[in-house]
Amino acid sequence: EHSFPTRRSSDLEAGMKELIASIIVLVMAIASASSEEWIRILDPSSVRITASPTRKVVEIETWKLRGHRNFINLSFWGSRGPIGRLYIDSVDHGFGKTSWPVLSLSPVLGEYTGGAITSGFAGSNVLVRDGKELKQRRSFFTRRRCPRTGVGTTRDGKLIIIVTTSSTMKDFARRFEENGAVFAINVDGGSSTMFIENGESLWNSKRSAVPVILSW
């Protein structure tokens, strides 16, 4: 009669966890290596916010016909229109989420803290404040690697835009800090990520229409 050595179930579980962890690290490394990123530094006086006048999405080709050569998708969008504050010519076109952070373009460039505002928009998360990357609350939304779009301000009064095809929110925030942002917010990314430059699509997450754009 022969006896065969057996591994304890705890050993098997530990081995399985190590294997899963290794696979996750490998997948994240591959995703990071294959991702693309675009960084643009702009004069804030050269940009404008435009929203669909009908509260419906507008085809990319229509935006181009209206003279927009460079643009990114901006505000999150719900059944009633833009989510969070969206100021265009001093009128707030947004709905709900009044606690979301707002980046003011005019009359003051930077984080909106109250008072009169002519132009500005909301984002879901503050990425950088006072030049430092902020710790992001752990959730599926922040931990997953996906396309993301963010806008921030620099110490010398410029706008910084970063569009990436694959990043966690933590890594995204770090990229803004590394590139000199003093304040930055995350705007609508994921499947809504859009970057058109000189009329050509650098990235389009399988969408042909956008409701709110930041253009220059």
N, C-alpha and C. Protein backbone atom coordinates (compact mmCIF):
# COMPACT_ATOMS: atom_id res chain seq x y z
N GLU A 1 0.86 -1.18 0.00
CA GLU A 1 0.00 0.00 0.00
C GLU A 1 0.89 1.23 0.00
N HIS A 2 0.58 2.17 -0.90
CA HIS A 2 1.40 3.38 -1.02
C HIS A 2 0.61 4.59 -0.52
N SER A 3 1.33 5.50 0.05
CA SER A 3 0.70 6.76 0.48
C SER A 3 1.30 7.89 -0.35
N PHE A 4 0.48 8.85 -0.68
CA PHE A 4 0.92 9.98 -1.49
C PHE A 4 0.82 11.25 -0.66
N PRO A 5 1.83 12.08 -0.76
CA PRO A 5 1.78 13.34 0.01
C PRO A 5 0.65 14.22 -0.51
N THR A 6 0.00 14.90 0.36
CA THR A 6 -1.08 15.82 0.00
C THR A 6 -0.76 17.20 0.54
N ARG A 7 -1.20 18.23 -0.21
CA ARG A 7 -1.02 19.60 0.25
C ARG A 7 -2.25 20.03 1.02
N ARG A 8 -2.03 20.76 2.05
CA ARG A 8 -3.14 21.29 2.81
C ARG A 8 -3.92 22.29 1.97
N SER A 9 -5.20 22.40 2.24
CA SER A 9 -6.04 23.33 1.48
C SER A 9 -5.54 24.75 1.62
N SER A 10 -4.97 25.09 2.77
CA SER A 10 -4.46 26.44 2.98
C SER A 10 -3.29 26.73 2.06
N ASP A 11 -2.46 25.69 1.83
CA ASP A 11 -1.33 25.85 0.92
C ASP A 11 -1.82 26.07 -0.51
N LEU A 12 -2.87 25.33 -0.89
CA LEU A 12 -3.44 25.48 -2.23
C LEU A 12 -4.03 26.87 -2.41
N GLU A 13 -4.73 27.35 -1.39
CA GLU A 13 -5.33 28.68 -1.44
C GLU A 13 -4.25 29.75 -1.56
N ALA A 14 -3.18 29.58 -0.81
CA ALA A 14 -2.09 30.56 -0.86
C ALA A 14 -1.45 30.58 -2.24
N GLY A 15 -1.25 29.37 -2.79
CA GLY A 15 -0.67 29.28 -4.12
C GLY A 15 -1.56 29.91 -5.17
N MET A 16 -2.87 29.69 -5.03
CA MET A 16 -3.81 30.27 -5.99
C MET A 16 -3.83 31.79 -5.90
N LYS A 17 -3.77 32.30 -4.69
CA LYS A 17 -3.75 33.75 -4.51
C LYS A 17 -2.50 34.37 -5.12
N GLU A 18 -1.36 33.69 -4.96
CA GLU A 18 -0.12 34.19 -5.54
C GLU A 18 -0.20 34.21 -7.07
N LEU A 19 -0.80 33.14 -7.62
CA LEU A 19 -0.96 33.06 -9.07
C LEU A 19 -1.85 34.18 -9.59
N ILE A 20 -2.99 34.40 -8.91
CA ILE A 20 -3.91 35.46 -9.31
C ILE A 20 -3.24 36.82 -9.22
N ALA A 21 -2.49 37.04 -8.14
CA ALA A 21 -1.79 38.32 -7.96
C ALA A 21 -0.78 38.54 -9.08
N SER A 22 -0.07 37.47 -9.46
CA SER A 22 0.92 37.58 -10.54
C SER A 22 0.26 37.92 -11.87
N ILE A 23 -0.91 37.29 -12.12
CA ILE A 23 -1.64 37.56 -13.36
C ILE A 23 -2.11 39.00 -13.41
N ILE A 24 -2.63 39.49 -12.27
CA ILE A 24 -3.10 40.88 -12.20
C ILE A 24 -1.95 41.85 -12.47
N VAL A 25 -0.80 41.60 -11.86
CA VAL A 25 0.36 42.47 -12.06
C VAL A 25 0.78 42.46 -13.53
N LEU A 26 0.76 41.26 -14.15
CA LEU A 26 1.14 41.14 -15.54
C LEU A 26 0.17 41.90 -16.45
N VAL A 27 -1.13 41.73 -16.19
CA VAL A 27 -2.14 42.41 -17.00
C VAL A 27 -2.01 43.92 -16.87
N MET A 28 -1.81 44.41 -15.63
CA MET A 28 -1.67 45.85 -15.42
C MET A 28 -0.41 46.39 -16.10
N ALA A 29 0.67 45.58 -16.08
CA ALA A 29 1.90 46.02 -16.72
C ALA A 29 1.73 46.12 -18.23
N ILE A 30 1.03 45.14 -18.80
CA ILE A 30 0.78 45.16 -20.24
C ILE A 30 -0.10 46.35 -20.61
N ALA A 31 -1.17 46.57 -19.80
CA ALA A 31 -2.08 47.69 -20.06
C ALA A 31 -1.35 49.02 -19.98
N SER A 32 -0.48 49.15 -18.98
CA SER A 32 0.26 50.40 -18.81
C SER A 32 1.22 50.63 -19.96
N ALA A 33 1.88 49.55 -20.41
CA ALA A 33 2.86 49.67 -21.49
C ALA A 33 2.20 50.03 -22.81
N SER A 34 0.96 49.58 -23.00
CA SER A 34 0.29 49.80 -24.27
C SER A 34 -0.58 51.06 -24.28
N SER A 35 -0.64 51.77 -23.16
CA SER A 35 -1.49 52.94 -23.08
C SER A 35 -0.86 54.14 -23.79
N GLU A 36 -1.70 55.06 -24.21
CA GLU A 36 -1.24 56.30 -24.83
C GLU A 36 -1.67 57.47 -23.96
N GLU A 37 -0.93 58.54 -24.05
CA GLU A 37 -1.22 59.72 -23.24
C GLU A 37 -0.90 60.98 -24.04
N TRP A 38 -1.78 61.98 -23.89
CA TRP A 38 -1.55 63.27 -24.54
C TRP A 38 -1.63 64.37 -23.49
N ILE A 39 -0.67 65.25 -23.47
CA ILE A 39 -0.64 66.36 -22.54
C ILE A 39 -0.58 67.66 -23.35
N ARG A 40 -1.48 68.57 -23.03
CA ARG A 40 -1.49 69.85 -23.72
C ARG A 40 -1.52 70.98 -22.68
N ILE A 41 -0.67 71.98 -22.87
CA ILE A 41 -0.63 73.17 -22.02
C ILE A 41 -1.19 74.33 -22.83
N LEU A 42 -2.24 74.98 -22.32
CA LEU A 42 -2.94 75.98 -23.10
C LEU A 42 -3.09 77.31 -22.35
N ASP A 43 -3.18 78.38 -23.12
CA ASP A 43 -3.55 79.68 -22.56
C ASP A 43 -5.05 79.63 -22.29
N PRO A 44 -5.50 79.89 -21.07
CA PRO A 44 -6.94 79.80 -20.76
C PRO A 44 -7.80 80.73 -21.61
N SER A 45 -7.22 81.81 -22.12
CA SER A 45 -8.01 82.73 -22.95
C SER A 45 -8.30 82.14 -24.32
N SER A 46 -7.63 81.03 -24.66
CA SER A 46 -7.82 80.43 -25.98
C SER A 46 -8.87 79.33 -25.98
N VAL A 47 -9.41 78.98 -24.82
CA VAL A 47 -10.36 77.87 -24.75
C VAL A 47 -11.79 78.38 -24.57
N ARG A 48 -12.74 77.55 -24.94
CA ARG A 48 -14.14 77.89 -24.70
C ARG A 48 -14.91 76.61 -24.40
N ILE A 49 -15.99 76.78 -23.65
CA ILE A 49 -16.88 75.67 -23.33
C ILE A 49 -18.11 75.79 -24.22
N THR A 50 -18.51 74.71 -24.83
CA THR A 50 -19.72 74.72 -25.65
C THR A 50 -20.58 73.53 -25.28
N ALA A 51 -21.87 73.77 -25.08
CA ALA A 51 -22.81 72.69 -24.73
C ALA A 51 -23.88 72.58 -25.81
N SER A 52 -24.43 71.40 -25.94
CA SER A 52 -25.52 71.20 -26.89
C SER A 52 -26.69 72.09 -26.53
N PRO A 53 -27.19 72.89 -27.45
CA PRO A 53 -28.30 73.80 -27.14
C PRO A 53 -29.62 73.06 -26.91
N THR A 54 -29.69 71.81 -27.34
CA THR A 54 -30.93 71.03 -27.21
C THR A 54 -30.87 70.03 -26.06
N ARG A 55 -29.79 70.06 -25.30
CA ARG A 55 -29.55 69.09 -24.22
C ARG A 55 -29.48 67.67 -24.76
N LYS A 56 -29.11 67.53 -26.01
CA LYS A 56 -28.89 66.23 -26.60
C LYS A 56 -27.47 66.17 -27.14
N VAL A 57 -26.99 64.97 -27.34
CA VAL A 57 -25.62 64.84 -27.83
C VAL A 57 -25.53 65.40 -29.25
N VAL A 58 -24.35 65.88 -29.61
CA VAL A 58 -24.12 66.46 -30.93
C VAL A 58 -23.05 65.63 -31.64
N GLU A 59 -23.29 65.30 -32.89
CA GLU A 59 -22.34 64.52 -33.66
C GLU A 59 -21.01 65.26 -33.78
N ILE A 60 -19.93 64.50 -33.75
CA ILE A 60 -18.59 65.08 -33.86
C ILE A 60 -18.47 65.93 -35.12
N GLU A 61 -19.00 65.45 -36.22
CA GLU A 61 -18.90 66.19 -37.47
C GLU A 61 -19.60 67.55 -37.37
N THR A 62 -20.66 67.61 -36.56
CA THR A 62 -21.37 68.87 -36.37
C THR A 62 -20.50 69.86 -35.61
N TRP A 63 -19.81 69.37 -34.57
CA TRP A 63 -18.89 70.24 -33.83
C TRP A 63 -17.83 70.78 -34.77
N LYS A 64 -17.32 69.93 -35.66
CA LYS A 64 -16.29 70.37 -36.61
C LYS A 64 -16.83 71.45 -37.54
N LEU A 65 -18.06 71.26 -38.00
CA LEU A 65 -18.67 72.24 -38.89
C LEU A 65 -18.86 73.58 -38.21
N ARG A 66 -18.98 73.55 -36.87
CA ARG A 66 -19.12 74.79 -36.12
C ARG A 66 -17.77 75.46 -35.85
N GLY A 67 -16.72 74.90 -36.41
CA GLY A 67 -15.41 75.53 -36.31
C GLY A 67 -14.52 75.02 -35.20
N HIS A 68 -14.90 73.95 -34.51
CA HIS A 68 -14.07 73.39 -33.45
C HIS A 68 -13.02 72.46 -34.06
N ARG A 69 -11.74 72.82 -33.90
CA ARG A 69 -10.67 72.01 -34.48
C ARG A 69 -10.01 71.11 -33.44
N ASN A 70 -9.99 71.57 -32.20
CA ASN A 70 -9.37 70.79 -31.12
C ASN A 70 -10.36 70.72 -29.97
N PHE A 71 -10.72 69.53 -29.54
CA PHE A 71 -11.63 69.47 -28.40
C PHE A 71 -11.60 68.13 -27.68
N ILE A 72 -12.01 68.21 -26.42
CA ILE A 72 -12.17 67.02 -25.58
C ILE A 72 -13.60 66.99 -25.05
N ASN A 73 -14.07 65.80 -24.75
CA ASN A 73 -15.35 65.67 -24.06
C ASN A 73 -15.17 66.20 -22.64
N LEU A 74 -16.18 66.89 -22.12
CA LEU A 74 -15.98 67.58 -20.84
C LEU A 74 -16.87 67.05 -19.72
N SER A 75 -18.12 67.46 -19.68
CA SER A 75 -18.97 67.18 -18.52
C SER A 75 -19.63 65.80 -18.58
N PHE A 76 -19.83 65.23 -17.40
CA PHE A 76 -20.66 64.05 -17.28
C PHE A 76 -22.08 64.44 -17.70
N TRP A 77 -22.86 63.47 -18.16
CA TRP A 77 -24.15 63.77 -18.78
C TRP A 77 -25.22 62.82 -18.24
N GLY A 78 -26.37 63.37 -17.88
CA GLY A 78 -27.49 62.57 -17.40
C GLY A 78 -28.73 62.82 -18.22
N SER A 79 -29.85 62.30 -17.76
CA SER A 79 -31.10 62.43 -18.51
C SER A 79 -31.57 63.89 -18.63
N ARG A 80 -31.15 64.74 -17.68
CA ARG A 80 -31.58 66.14 -17.71
C ARG A 80 -30.53 67.07 -18.32
N GLY A 81 -29.37 66.51 -18.62
CA GLY A 81 -28.32 67.34 -19.20
C GLY A 81 -27.01 67.17 -18.45
N PRO A 82 -26.12 68.19 -18.47
CA PRO A 82 -24.82 68.09 -17.81
C PRO A 82 -24.96 67.87 -16.31
N ILE A 83 -24.14 66.97 -15.77
CA ILE A 83 -24.16 66.70 -14.33
C ILE A 83 -23.11 67.58 -13.66
N GLY A 84 -23.48 68.20 -12.56
CA GLY A 84 -22.57 69.13 -11.90
C GLY A 84 -22.66 70.51 -12.53
N ARG A 85 -22.07 71.48 -11.91
CA ARG A 85 -22.17 72.85 -12.41
C ARG A 85 -21.44 73.03 -13.74
N LEU A 86 -22.07 73.77 -14.62
CA LEU A 86 -21.49 74.05 -15.93
C LEU A 86 -21.84 75.48 -16.30
N TYR A 87 -20.89 76.39 -16.09
CA TYR A 87 -21.14 77.81 -16.32
C TYR A 87 -20.66 78.23 -17.71
N ILE A 88 -21.59 78.79 -18.48
CA ILE A 88 -21.28 79.37 -19.78
C ILE A 88 -21.95 80.74 -19.82
N ASP A 89 -21.15 81.80 -19.98
CA ASP A 89 -21.68 83.17 -19.97
C ASP A 89 -22.51 83.43 -18.71
N SER A 90 -21.98 83.00 -17.58
CA SER A 90 -22.56 83.23 -16.24
C SER A 90 -23.83 82.43 -15.96
N VAL A 91 -24.27 81.60 -16.89
CA VAL A 91 -25.47 80.78 -16.69
C VAL A 91 -25.05 79.35 -16.36
N ASP A 92 -25.64 78.80 -15.29
CA ASP A 92 -25.35 77.42 -14.89
C ASP A 92 -26.28 76.48 -15.65
N HIS A 93 -25.72 75.66 -16.50
CA HIS A 93 -26.50 74.73 -17.31
C HIS A 93 -26.56 73.33 -16.70
N GLY A 94 -25.93 73.13 -15.55
CA GLY A 94 -25.82 71.80 -14.97
C GLY A 94 -26.99 71.43 -14.07
N PHE A 95 -27.02 70.14 -13.69
CA PHE A 95 -28.05 69.62 -12.79
C PHE A 95 -27.41 68.75 -11.71
N GLY A 96 -27.84 68.97 -10.48
CA GLY A 96 -27.41 68.12 -9.38
C GLY A 96 -25.91 68.18 -9.12
N LYS A 97 -25.47 67.32 -8.18
CA LYS A 97 -24.06 67.19 -7.82
C LYS A 97 -23.39 68.54 -7.57
N THR A 98 -24.08 69.40 -6.81
CA THR A 98 -23.53 70.73 -6.55
C THR A 98 -22.28 70.68 -5.69
N SER A 99 -22.03 69.51 -5.07
CA SER A 99 -20.84 69.38 -4.23
C SER A 99 -19.60 69.00 -5.05
N TRP A 100 -19.80 68.66 -6.31
CA TRP A 100 -18.65 68.30 -7.14
C TRP A 100 -17.73 69.50 -7.31
N PRO A 101 -16.42 69.29 -7.36
CA PRO A 101 -15.47 70.40 -7.52
C PRO A 101 -15.62 71.07 -8.88
N VAL A 102 -15.38 72.36 -8.91
CA VAL A 102 -15.52 73.14 -10.14
C VAL A 102 -14.22 73.86 -10.45
N LEU A 103 -13.80 73.78 -11.71
CA LEU A 103 -12.64 74.52 -12.17
C LEU A 103 -13.15 75.79 -12.86
N SER A 104 -12.81 76.92 -12.32
CA SER A 104 -13.24 78.20 -12.88
C SER A 104 -12.26 78.67 -13.93
N LEU A 105 -12.78 79.09 -15.08
CA LEU A 105 -11.95 79.68 -16.14
C LEU A 105 -12.00 81.19 -16.09
N SER A 106 -13.14 81.73 -15.68
CA SER A 106 -13.35 83.18 -15.66
C SER A 106 -14.42 83.52 -14.63
N PRO A 107 -14.25 84.61 -13.90
CA PRO A 107 -13.22 85.64 -14.01
C PRO A 107 -11.90 85.26 -13.33
N VAL A 108 -11.91 84.20 -12.53
CA VAL A 108 -10.68 83.76 -11.87
C VAL A 108 -10.35 82.35 -12.34
N LEU A 109 -9.08 82.10 -12.62
CA LEU A 109 -8.65 80.77 -13.03
C LEU A 109 -8.25 79.97 -11.80
N GLY A 110 -8.86 78.80 -11.63
CA GLY A 110 -8.50 77.96 -10.49
C GLY A 110 -9.72 77.28 -9.90
N GLU A 111 -9.58 76.79 -8.67
CA GLU A 111 -10.69 76.11 -8.01
C GLU A 111 -11.77 77.10 -7.60
N TYR A 112 -12.99 76.82 -7.98
CA TYR A 112 -14.11 77.69 -7.63
C TYR A 112 -14.49 77.49 -6.17
N THR A 113 -14.52 78.57 -5.42
CA THR A 113 -14.85 78.49 -4.00
C THR A 113 -16.06 79.35 -3.65
N GLY A 114 -16.70 79.95 -4.65
CA GLY A 114 -17.88 80.76 -4.39
C GLY A 114 -17.79 82.12 -5.07
N GLY A 115 -18.93 82.78 -5.14
CA GLY A 115 -18.96 84.09 -5.76
C GLY A 115 -19.35 84.03 -7.23
N ALA A 116 -19.19 85.15 -7.92
CA ALA A 116 -19.57 85.25 -9.32
C ALA A 116 -18.64 84.39 -10.18
N ILE A 117 -19.22 83.74 -11.17
CA ILE A 117 -18.42 82.92 -12.08
C ILE A 117 -19.03 83.04 -13.48
N THR A 118 -18.18 83.28 -14.45
CA THR A 118 -18.63 83.44 -15.84
C THR A 118 -18.51 82.13 -16.61
N SER A 119 -17.38 81.44 -16.40
CA SER A 119 -17.11 80.23 -17.15
C SER A 119 -16.42 79.21 -16.26
N GLY A 120 -16.93 77.98 -16.26
CA GLY A 120 -16.33 76.94 -15.45
C GLY A 120 -17.10 75.64 -15.55
N PHE A 121 -16.52 74.57 -15.04
CA PHE A 121 -17.16 73.26 -15.17
C PHE A 121 -16.78 72.35 -14.01
N ALA A 122 -17.64 71.38 -13.77
CA ALA A 122 -17.45 70.45 -12.65
C ALA A 122 -16.77 69.16 -13.09
N GLY A 123 -16.15 68.51 -12.13
CA GLY A 123 -15.57 67.19 -12.34
C GLY A 123 -15.95 66.30 -11.18
N SER A 124 -15.72 65.01 -11.33
CA SER A 124 -16.14 64.07 -10.29
C SER A 124 -15.18 64.01 -9.12
N ASN A 125 -13.89 64.18 -9.38
CA ASN A 125 -12.86 64.03 -8.35
C ASN A 125 -11.83 65.14 -8.47
N VAL A 126 -11.35 65.63 -7.31
CA VAL A 126 -10.17 66.50 -7.31
C VAL A 126 -8.96 65.59 -7.39
N LEU A 127 -8.10 65.82 -8.37
CA LEU A 127 -6.90 65.01 -8.54
C LEU A 127 -5.70 65.64 -7.84
N VAL A 128 -5.59 66.96 -7.96
CA VAL A 128 -4.46 67.69 -7.36
C VAL A 128 -4.99 68.97 -6.73
N ARG A 129 -4.50 69.27 -5.56
CA ARG A 129 -4.82 70.55 -4.91
C ARG A 129 -3.54 71.07 -4.25
N ASP A 130 -3.29 72.36 -4.42
CA ASP A 130 -2.07 72.98 -3.88
C ASP A 130 -0.81 72.27 -4.37
N GLY A 131 -0.87 71.77 -5.61
CA GLY A 131 0.30 71.14 -6.21
C GLY A 131 0.58 69.73 -5.77
N LYS A 132 -0.31 69.16 -4.93
CA LYS A 132 -0.08 67.82 -4.41
C LYS A 132 -1.18 66.85 -4.85
N GLU A 133 -0.76 65.68 -5.27
CA GLU A 133 -1.71 64.61 -5.62
C GLU A 133 -2.56 64.26 -4.42
N LEU A 134 -3.87 64.17 -4.61
CA LEU A 134 -4.76 63.82 -3.51
C LEU A 134 -5.02 62.32 -3.47
N LYS A 135 -5.16 61.78 -2.29
CA LYS A 135 -5.49 60.37 -2.14
C LYS A 135 -6.91 60.14 -2.62
N GLN A 136 -7.11 59.14 -3.46
CA GLN A 136 -8.42 58.86 -4.04
C GLN A 136 -9.15 57.77 -3.26
N ARG A 137 -10.43 57.97 -3.04
CA ARG A 137 -11.22 56.96 -2.35
C ARG A 137 -11.23 55.67 -3.16
N ARG A 138 -11.00 54.55 -2.50
CA ARG A 138 -10.92 53.26 -3.20
C ARG A 138 -12.31 52.79 -3.62
N SER A 139 -12.49 52.61 -4.92
CA SER A 139 -13.74 52.11 -5.46
C SER A 139 -13.44 51.52 -6.83
N PHE A 140 -14.41 50.86 -7.40
CA PHE A 140 -14.23 50.32 -8.75
C PHE A 140 -13.93 51.45 -9.73
N PHE A 141 -14.59 52.58 -9.55
CA PHE A 141 -14.43 53.73 -10.44
C PHE A 141 -13.00 54.26 -10.41
N THR A 142 -12.37 54.28 -9.25
CA THR A 142 -11.03 54.84 -9.15
C THR A 142 -9.93 53.82 -9.40
N ARG A 143 -10.19 52.54 -9.12
CA ARG A 143 -9.15 51.53 -9.21
C ARG A 143 -9.00 50.92 -10.60
N ARG A 144 -10.06 50.93 -11.40
CA ARG A 144 -9.96 50.27 -12.70
C ARG A 144 -9.12 51.11 -13.67
N ARG A 145 -8.46 50.40 -14.57
CA ARG A 145 -7.70 51.06 -15.63
C ARG A 145 -8.63 51.30 -16.80
N CYS A 146 -8.75 52.55 -17.21
CA CYS A 146 -9.63 52.89 -18.31
C CYS A 146 -9.20 54.23 -18.89
N PRO A 147 -9.75 54.62 -20.04
CA PRO A 147 -9.46 55.96 -20.58
C PRO A 147 -9.95 57.03 -19.60
N ARG A 148 -9.20 58.10 -19.48
CA ARG A 148 -9.58 59.18 -18.57
C ARG A 148 -9.20 60.53 -19.18
N THR A 149 -9.95 61.55 -18.78
CA THR A 149 -9.68 62.92 -19.21
C THR A 149 -9.69 63.82 -17.98
N GLY A 150 -8.72 64.69 -17.90
CA GLY A 150 -8.67 65.62 -16.77
C GLY A 150 -8.19 66.99 -17.23
N VAL A 151 -8.55 68.00 -16.45
CA VAL A 151 -8.14 69.38 -16.75
C VAL A 151 -7.66 70.02 -15.46
N GLY A 152 -6.58 70.78 -15.55
CA GLY A 152 -6.06 71.44 -14.36
C GLY A 152 -5.45 72.79 -14.68
N THR A 153 -4.92 73.41 -13.66
CA THR A 153 -4.25 74.70 -13.81
C THR A 153 -2.82 74.58 -13.32
N THR A 154 -1.95 75.42 -13.88
CA THR A 154 -0.55 75.41 -13.47
C THR A 154 -0.23 76.67 -12.68
N ARG A 155 0.93 76.68 -12.07
CA ARG A 155 1.31 77.81 -11.23
C ARG A 155 1.48 79.10 -12.03
N ASP A 156 1.83 78.96 -13.31
CA ASP A 156 2.03 80.15 -14.14
C ASP A 156 0.78 80.55 -14.93
N GLY A 157 -0.40 80.05 -14.49
CA GLY A 157 -1.65 80.52 -15.08
C GLY A 157 -2.04 79.88 -16.39
N LYS A 158 -1.60 78.65 -16.63
CA LYS A 158 -1.98 77.93 -17.84
C LYS A 158 -2.96 76.81 -17.49
N LEU A 159 -3.62 76.32 -18.54
CA LEU A 159 -4.46 75.12 -18.39
C LEU A 159 -3.65 73.92 -18.82
N ILE A 160 -3.78 72.83 -18.09
CA ILE A 160 -3.14 71.58 -18.48
C ILE A 160 -4.22 70.54 -18.70
N ILE A 161 -4.19 69.91 -19.85
CA ILE A 161 -5.14 68.86 -20.20
C ILE A 161 -4.37 67.56 -20.38
N ILE A 162 -4.85 66.50 -19.75
CA ILE A 162 -4.26 65.18 -19.95
C ILE A 162 -5.36 64.21 -20.36
N VAL A 163 -5.12 63.51 -21.45
CA VAL A 163 -6.01 62.44 -21.90
C VAL A 163 -5.19 61.17 -21.94
N THR A 164 -5.67 60.11 -21.32
CA THR A 164 -4.96 58.83 -21.33
C THR A 164 -5.90 57.71 -21.72
N THR A 165 -5.36 56.70 -22.35
CA THR A 165 -6.20 55.57 -22.79
C THR A 165 -6.31 54.49 -21.73
N SER A 166 -5.46 54.56 -20.68
CA SER A 166 -5.52 53.53 -19.64
C SER A 166 -4.81 54.00 -18.38
N SER A 167 -5.59 54.22 -17.32
CA SER A 167 -4.99 54.68 -16.07
C SER A 167 -5.96 54.49 -14.91
N THR A 168 -5.41 54.23 -13.73
CA THR A 168 -6.22 54.29 -12.52
C THR A 168 -6.33 55.77 -12.14
N MET A 169 -7.25 56.08 -11.25
CA MET A 169 -7.39 57.48 -10.83
C MET A 169 -6.16 57.94 -10.06
N LYS A 170 -5.58 57.06 -9.28
CA LYS A 170 -4.38 57.40 -8.51
C LYS A 170 -3.23 57.77 -9.44
N ASP A 171 -2.99 56.92 -10.44
CA ASP A 171 -1.92 57.19 -11.39
C ASP A 171 -2.19 58.46 -12.19
N PHE A 172 -3.47 58.68 -12.50
CA PHE A 172 -3.86 59.87 -13.25
C PHE A 172 -3.55 61.13 -12.46
N ALA A 173 -3.88 61.11 -11.18
CA ALA A 173 -3.59 62.25 -10.31
C ALA A 173 -2.09 62.51 -10.24
N ARG A 174 -1.31 61.44 -10.15
CA ARG A 174 0.14 61.59 -10.07
C ARG A 174 0.70 62.24 -11.34
N ARG A 175 0.13 61.91 -12.50
CA ARG A 175 0.61 62.49 -13.75
C ARG A 175 0.38 64.01 -13.78
N PHE A 176 -0.73 64.45 -13.19
CA PHE A 176 -0.96 65.89 -13.12
C PHE A 176 0.05 66.55 -12.19
N GLU A 177 0.31 65.93 -11.05
CA GLU A 177 1.28 66.48 -10.12
C GLU A 177 2.66 66.55 -10.77
N GLU A 178 3.05 65.48 -11.47
CA GLU A 178 4.36 65.42 -12.11
C GLU A 178 4.52 66.46 -13.21
N ASN A 179 3.40 66.89 -13.79
CA ASN A 179 3.46 67.85 -14.89
C ASN A 179 3.13 69.27 -14.46
N GLY A 180 3.18 69.52 -13.16
CA GLY A 180 3.11 70.89 -12.67
C GLY A 180 1.75 71.47 -12.38
N ALA A 181 0.73 70.62 -12.27
CA ALA A 181 -0.60 71.13 -11.94
C ALA A 181 -0.66 71.54 -10.48
N VAL A 182 -1.34 72.65 -10.21
CA VAL A 182 -1.58 73.05 -8.83
C VAL A 182 -3.00 72.69 -8.40
N PHE A 183 -3.89 72.54 -9.40
CA PHE A 183 -5.26 72.09 -9.15
C PHE A 183 -5.71 71.35 -10.40
N ALA A 184 -6.40 70.22 -10.21
CA ALA A 184 -6.87 69.46 -11.36
C ALA A 184 -8.08 68.62 -10.96
N ILE A 185 -9.00 68.45 -11.92
CA ILE A 185 -10.18 67.62 -11.68
C ILE A 185 -10.34 66.60 -12.80
N ASN A 186 -11.00 65.52 -12.48
CA ASN A 186 -11.32 64.48 -13.44
C ASN A 186 -12.67 64.79 -14.07
N VAL A 187 -12.71 64.82 -15.42
CA VAL A 187 -13.97 65.03 -16.12
C VAL A 187 -14.39 63.71 -16.76
N ASP A 188 -15.41 63.75 -17.61
CA ASP A 188 -16.01 62.50 -18.10
C ASP A 188 -15.04 61.74 -19.01
N GLY A 189 -14.66 60.55 -18.58
CA GLY A 189 -13.76 59.71 -19.36
C GLY A 189 -14.42 58.39 -19.71
N GLY A 190 -13.69 57.29 -19.51
CA GLY A 190 -14.24 55.97 -19.84
C GLY A 190 -14.63 55.91 -21.31
N SER A 191 -15.83 55.41 -21.55
CA SER A 191 -16.31 55.28 -22.93
C SER A 191 -16.63 56.64 -23.56
N SER A 192 -16.63 57.70 -22.75
CA SER A 192 -16.90 59.05 -23.27
C SER A 192 -15.63 59.78 -23.69
N THR A 193 -14.47 59.18 -23.44
CA THR A 193 -13.21 59.84 -23.73
C THR A 193 -13.10 60.19 -25.21
N MET A 194 -12.74 61.43 -25.45
CA MET A 194 -12.69 61.94 -26.82
C MET A 194 -11.57 62.97 -26.92
N PHE A 195 -10.72 62.84 -27.92
CA PHE A 195 -9.71 63.86 -28.15
C PHE A 195 -9.55 64.06 -29.64
N ILE A 196 -9.98 65.23 -30.11
CA ILE A 196 -9.85 65.61 -31.51
C ILE A 196 -8.85 66.76 -31.58
N GLU A 197 -7.83 66.64 -32.43
CA GLU A 197 -6.84 67.69 -32.58
C GLU A 197 -6.63 67.99 -34.06
N ASN A 198 -6.70 69.27 -34.38
CA ASN A 198 -6.61 69.70 -35.78
C ASN A 198 -7.61 68.97 -36.67
N GLY A 199 -8.78 68.72 -36.10
CA GLY A 199 -9.85 68.07 -36.84
C GLY A 199 -9.72 66.57 -36.98
N GLU A 200 -8.63 65.99 -36.46
CA GLU A 200 -8.41 64.56 -36.57
C GLU A 200 -8.57 63.88 -35.22
N SER A 201 -9.12 62.69 -35.21
CA SER A 201 -9.36 61.96 -33.97
C SER A 201 -8.08 61.26 -33.49
N LEU A 202 -7.57 61.69 -32.34
CA LEU A 202 -6.44 61.00 -31.72
C LEU A 202 -6.95 59.86 -30.84
N TRP A 203 -8.13 60.05 -30.26
CA TRP A 203 -8.76 58.99 -29.49
C TRP A 203 -10.26 59.19 -29.45
N ASN A 204 -10.97 58.14 -29.70
CA ASN A 204 -12.43 58.16 -29.68
C ASN A 204 -12.90 56.82 -29.15
N SER A 205 -13.45 56.80 -27.95
CA SER A 205 -13.87 55.55 -27.33
C SER A 205 -15.21 55.06 -27.90
N LYS A 206 -15.21 54.86 -29.21
CA LYS A 206 -16.37 54.26 -29.90
C LYS A 206 -17.63 55.09 -29.75
N ARG A 207 -17.47 56.42 -29.62
CA ARG A 207 -18.63 57.31 -29.56
C ARG A 207 -18.57 58.28 -30.72
N SER A 208 -19.68 58.59 -31.28
CA SER A 208 -19.71 59.51 -32.41
C SER A 208 -20.32 60.85 -32.04
N ALA A 209 -20.74 61.00 -30.78
CA ALA A 209 -21.40 62.24 -30.39
C ALA A 209 -21.07 62.60 -28.95
N VAL A 210 -20.97 63.91 -28.70
CA VAL A 210 -20.67 64.41 -27.36
C VAL A 210 -21.54 65.63 -27.06
N PRO A 211 -21.97 65.81 -25.81
CA PRO A 211 -22.86 66.91 -25.46
C PRO A 211 -22.18 68.21 -25.04
N VAL A 212 -21.02 68.10 -24.37
CA VAL A 212 -20.31 69.28 -23.87
C VAL A 212 -18.83 69.13 -24.21
N ILE A 213 -18.25 70.17 -24.79
CA ILE A 213 -16.84 70.10 -25.14
C ILE A 213 -16.07 71.29 -24.62
N LEU A 214 -14.78 71.06 -24.40
CA LEU A 214 -13.83 72.13 -24.15
C LEU A 214 -12.98 72.20 -25.41
N SER A 215 -12.97 73.34 -26.08
CA SER A 215 -12.26 73.45 -27.35
C SER A 215 -11.28 74.60 -27.34
N TRP A 216 -10.33 74.54 -28.29
CA TRP A 216 -9.33 75.60 -28.42
C TRP A 216 -8.81 75.65 -29.85
